[in-house]
Every structure is written in C-alpha cells, then in structure tokens.
Amino acid sequence: MAQTNINIRMDEDLKKEAESLFSELGLNMTTAVNIFVRQSLRQGGIPFEITTQTDPFYNPSNLKRLKQSIQQMEQGKIVAQTMNDLEHMADE
C-alpha cells in the first residue's frame, strides 16, 4: 500500500499531551491518527459523540466539594461521610 504524508496544525501543548497519552498506550501520533481515520471510515462518521454538553460530574458544585475534601485531607482531617450523606449531596 502506498504511503502519503499529511500536515496538520495544532496547539503545541495539545500535541505534547496527546503524544504523552499515546505513548502510555504504546502508540505514536501517526498510529493514533491512523486508528482514528480507520474507525471513522468503519463507522461512517466521527467515532465518538461530539457535543457541547459536559460531564455533569464536573459541575461547579462538585468541583467545590472536591477541592474542600482535598484541603481537609491535606490538613490531616479525616473526611468520613455515610453513603446517605453522599447521595444527599448528589441530589442537591
């Protein structure tokens, strides 16, 4: 099969992060891009959902609670909550 080169532009930090991730997966950038293109062709479109929606777990309220818990842990305070407490927090 004949090979060809493509050139793409992306943010330098984004490229470094991607290369690091792909390296952890045992891939290089070329292989990762080829996997993406092959999956796109197999599925007849982008192989994942493209949306403006964000994961609700990362809402401001949850992030605030997470930061508070991390601060308490770093201060040596024991953070103990029951499952009922956690479920109640999720419902807020």
C-alpha atoms as a PDB file:
ATOM      1  CA  MET A   1       0.000   0.000   0.000  1.00  0.00           C
ATOM      2  CA  ALA A   2       1.400   3.393  -0.976  1.00  0.00           C
ATOM      3  CA  GLN A   3       2.037   5.839   1.837  1.00  0.00           C
ATOM      4  CA  THR A   4       1.439   9.589   1.822  1.00  0.00           C
ATOM      5  CA  ASN A   5       2.172  12.410   4.251  1.00  0.00           C
ATOM      6  CA  ILE A   6      -0.330  14.817   5.743  1.00  0.00           C
ATOM      7  CA  ASN A   7       0.396  18.021   7.636  1.00  0.00           C
ATOM      8  CA  ILE A   8      -1.844  19.331  10.402  1.00  0.00           C
ATOM      9  CA  ARG A   9      -1.566  22.286  12.745  1.00  0.00           C
ATOM     10  CA  MET A  10      -2.395  22.096  16.432  1.00  0.00           C
ATOM     11  CA  ASP A  11      -1.529  23.801  19.666  1.00  0.00           C
ATOM     12  CA  GLU A  12       1.945  22.749  20.829  1.00  0.00           C
ATOM     13  CA  ASP A  13       0.788  21.883  24.359  1.00  0.00           C
ATOM     14  CA  LEU A  14      -2.097  19.832  22.976  1.00  0.00           C
ATOM     15  CA  LYS A  15       0.342  17.904  20.775  1.00  0.00           C
ATOM     16  CA  LYS A  16       2.642  17.191  23.732  1.00  0.00           C
ATOM     17  CA  GLU A  17      -0.272  15.962  25.866  1.00  0.00           C
ATOM     18  CA  ALA A  18      -1.518  13.742  23.034  1.00  0.00           C
ATOM     19  CA  GLU A  19       1.947  12.295  22.412  1.00  0.00           C
ATOM     20  CA  SER A  20       2.301  11.532  26.104  1.00  0.00           C
ATOM     21  CA  LEU A  21      -1.085   9.789  26.225  1.00  0.00           C
ATOM     22  CA  PHE A  22      -0.443   7.817  23.061  1.00  0.00           C
ATOM     23  CA  SER A  23       2.974   6.803  24.351  1.00  0.00           C
ATOM     24  CA  GLU A  24       1.339   5.394  27.505  1.00  0.00           C
ATOM     25  CA  LEU A  25      -0.919   3.392  25.188  1.00  0.00           C
ATOM     26  CA  GLY A  26       2.070   2.104  23.211  1.00  0.00           C
ATOM     27  CA  LEU A  27       1.243   4.269  20.197  1.00  0.00           C
ATOM     28  CA  ASN A  28       2.809   7.150  18.366  1.00  0.00           C
ATOM     29  CA  MET A  29       0.948  10.085  16.826  1.00  0.00           C
ATOM     30  CA  THR A  30       0.906   8.517  13.354  1.00  0.00           C
ATOM     31  CA  THR A  31      -0.605   5.277  14.600  1.00  0.00           C
ATOM     32  CA  ALA A  32      -3.192   7.115  16.719  1.00  0.00           C
ATOM     33  CA  VAL A  33      -4.289   9.278  13.771  1.00  0.00           C
ATOM     34  CA  ASN A  34      -4.485   6.204  11.537  1.00  0.00           C
ATOM     35  CA  ILE A  35      -6.669   4.434  14.119  1.00  0.00           C
ATOM     36  CA  PHE A  36      -8.951   7.478  14.266  1.00  0.00           C
ATOM     37  CA  VAL A  37      -9.293   7.629  10.467  1.00  0.00           C
ATOM     38  CA  ARG A  38      -9.926   3.877  10.136  1.00  0.00           C
ATOM     39  CA  GLN A  39     -12.599   3.961  12.849  1.00  0.00           C
ATOM     40  CA  SER A  40     -14.201   6.989  11.187  1.00  0.00           C
ATOM     41  CA  LEU A  41     -14.399   5.108   7.909  1.00  0.00           C
ATOM     42  CA  ARG A  42     -15.782   1.958   9.578  1.00  0.00           C
ATOM     43  CA  GLN A  43     -18.495   3.918  11.370  1.00  0.00           C
ATOM     44  CA  GLY A  44     -19.198   6.323   8.557  1.00  0.00           C
ATOM     45  CA  GLY A  45     -18.543   9.324  10.799  1.00  0.00           C
ATOM     46  CA  ILE A  46     -16.625  10.576  13.789  1.00  0.00           C
ATOM     47  CA  PRO A  47     -16.215   7.564  16.133  1.00  0.00           C
ATOM     48  CA  PHE A  48     -17.420   9.427  19.204  1.00  0.00           C
ATOM     49  CA  GLU A  49     -20.172  11.858  20.095  1.00  0.00           C
ATOM     50  CA  ILE A  50     -19.348  15.498  19.506  1.00  0.00           C
ATOM     51  CA  THR A  51     -21.328  17.700  21.850  1.00  0.00           C
ATOM     52  CA  THR A  52     -21.232  20.936  23.761  1.00  0.00           C
ATOM     53  CA  GLN A  53     -22.501  19.071  26.826  1.00  0.00           C
ATOM     54  CA  THR A  54     -20.058  18.481  29.636  1.00  0.00           C
ATOM     55  CA  ASP A  55     -19.951  15.654  32.105  1.00  0.00           C
ATOM     56  CA  PRO A  56     -22.316  16.658  34.949  1.00  0.00           C
ATOM     57  CA  PHE A  57     -19.825  15.264  37.457  1.00  0.00           C
ATOM     58  CA  TYR A  58     -17.592  18.264  36.778  1.00  0.00           C
ATOM     59  CA  ASN A  59     -20.205  20.873  37.648  1.00  0.00           C
ATOM     60  CA  PRO A  60     -19.064  23.796  39.838  1.00  0.00           C
ATOM     61  CA  SER A  61     -20.751  22.408  42.956  1.00  0.00           C
ATOM     62  CA  ASN A  62     -18.981  19.042  42.733  1.00  0.00           C
ATOM     63  CA  LEU A  63     -15.639  20.676  41.980  1.00  0.00           C
ATOM     64  CA  LYS A  64     -16.026  22.940  45.018  1.00  0.00           C
ATOM     65  CA  ARG A  65     -16.746  19.952  47.268  1.00  0.00           C
ATOM     66  CA  LEU A  66     -13.822  18.043  45.820  1.00  0.00           C
ATOM     67  CA  LYS A  67     -11.440  20.947  46.483  1.00  0.00           C
ATOM     68  CA  GLN A  68     -12.740  21.226  50.060  1.00  0.00           C
ATOM     69  CA  SER A  69     -12.203  17.497  50.625  1.00  0.00           C
ATOM     70  CA  ILE A  70      -8.667  17.707  49.245  1.00  0.00           C
ATOM     71  CA  GLN A  71      -7.891  20.636  51.556  1.00  0.00           C
ATOM     72  CA  GLN A  72      -9.247  18.731  54.549  1.00  0.00           C
ATOM     73  CA  MET A  73      -7.198  15.674  53.632  1.00  0.00           C
ATOM     74  CA  GLU A  74      -4.038  17.774  53.206  1.00  0.00           C
ATOM     75  CA  GLN A  75      -4.653  19.298  56.651  1.00  0.00           C
ATOM     76  CA  GLY A  76      -4.851  15.813  58.127  1.00  0.00           C
ATOM     77  CA  LYS A  77      -8.545  15.990  58.832  1.00  0.00           C
ATOM     78  CA  ILE A  78     -10.458  12.769  58.412  1.00  0.00           C
ATOM     79  CA  VAL A  79     -13.226  13.076  55.868  1.00  0.00           C
ATOM     80  CA  ALA A  80     -15.871  10.493  56.684  1.00  0.00           C
ATOM     81  CA  GLN A  81     -19.350  10.535  55.259  1.00  0.00           C
ATOM     82  CA  THR A  82     -22.011   7.909  55.032  1.00  0.00           C
ATOM     83  CA  MET A  83     -23.491   6.733  51.756  1.00  0.00           C
ATOM     84  CA  ASN A  84     -26.681   8.616  52.678  1.00  0.00           C
ATOM     85  CA  ASP A  85     -24.650  11.828  53.063  1.00  0.00           C
ATOM     86  CA  LEU A  86     -23.075  11.321  49.654  1.00  0.00           C
ATOM     87  CA  GLU A  87     -26.396  10.520  47.993  1.00  0.00           C
ATOM     88  CA  HIS A  88     -27.940  13.620  49.556  1.00  0.00           C
ATOM     89  CA  MET A  89     -25.070  15.750  48.220  1.00  0.00           C
ATOM     90  CA  ALA A  90     -25.617  14.329  44.733  1.00  0.00           C
ATOM     91  CA  ASP A  91     -29.302  15.295  44.852  1.00  0.00           C
ATOM     92  CA  GLU A  92     -28.574  18.953  45.633  1.00  0.00           C
END
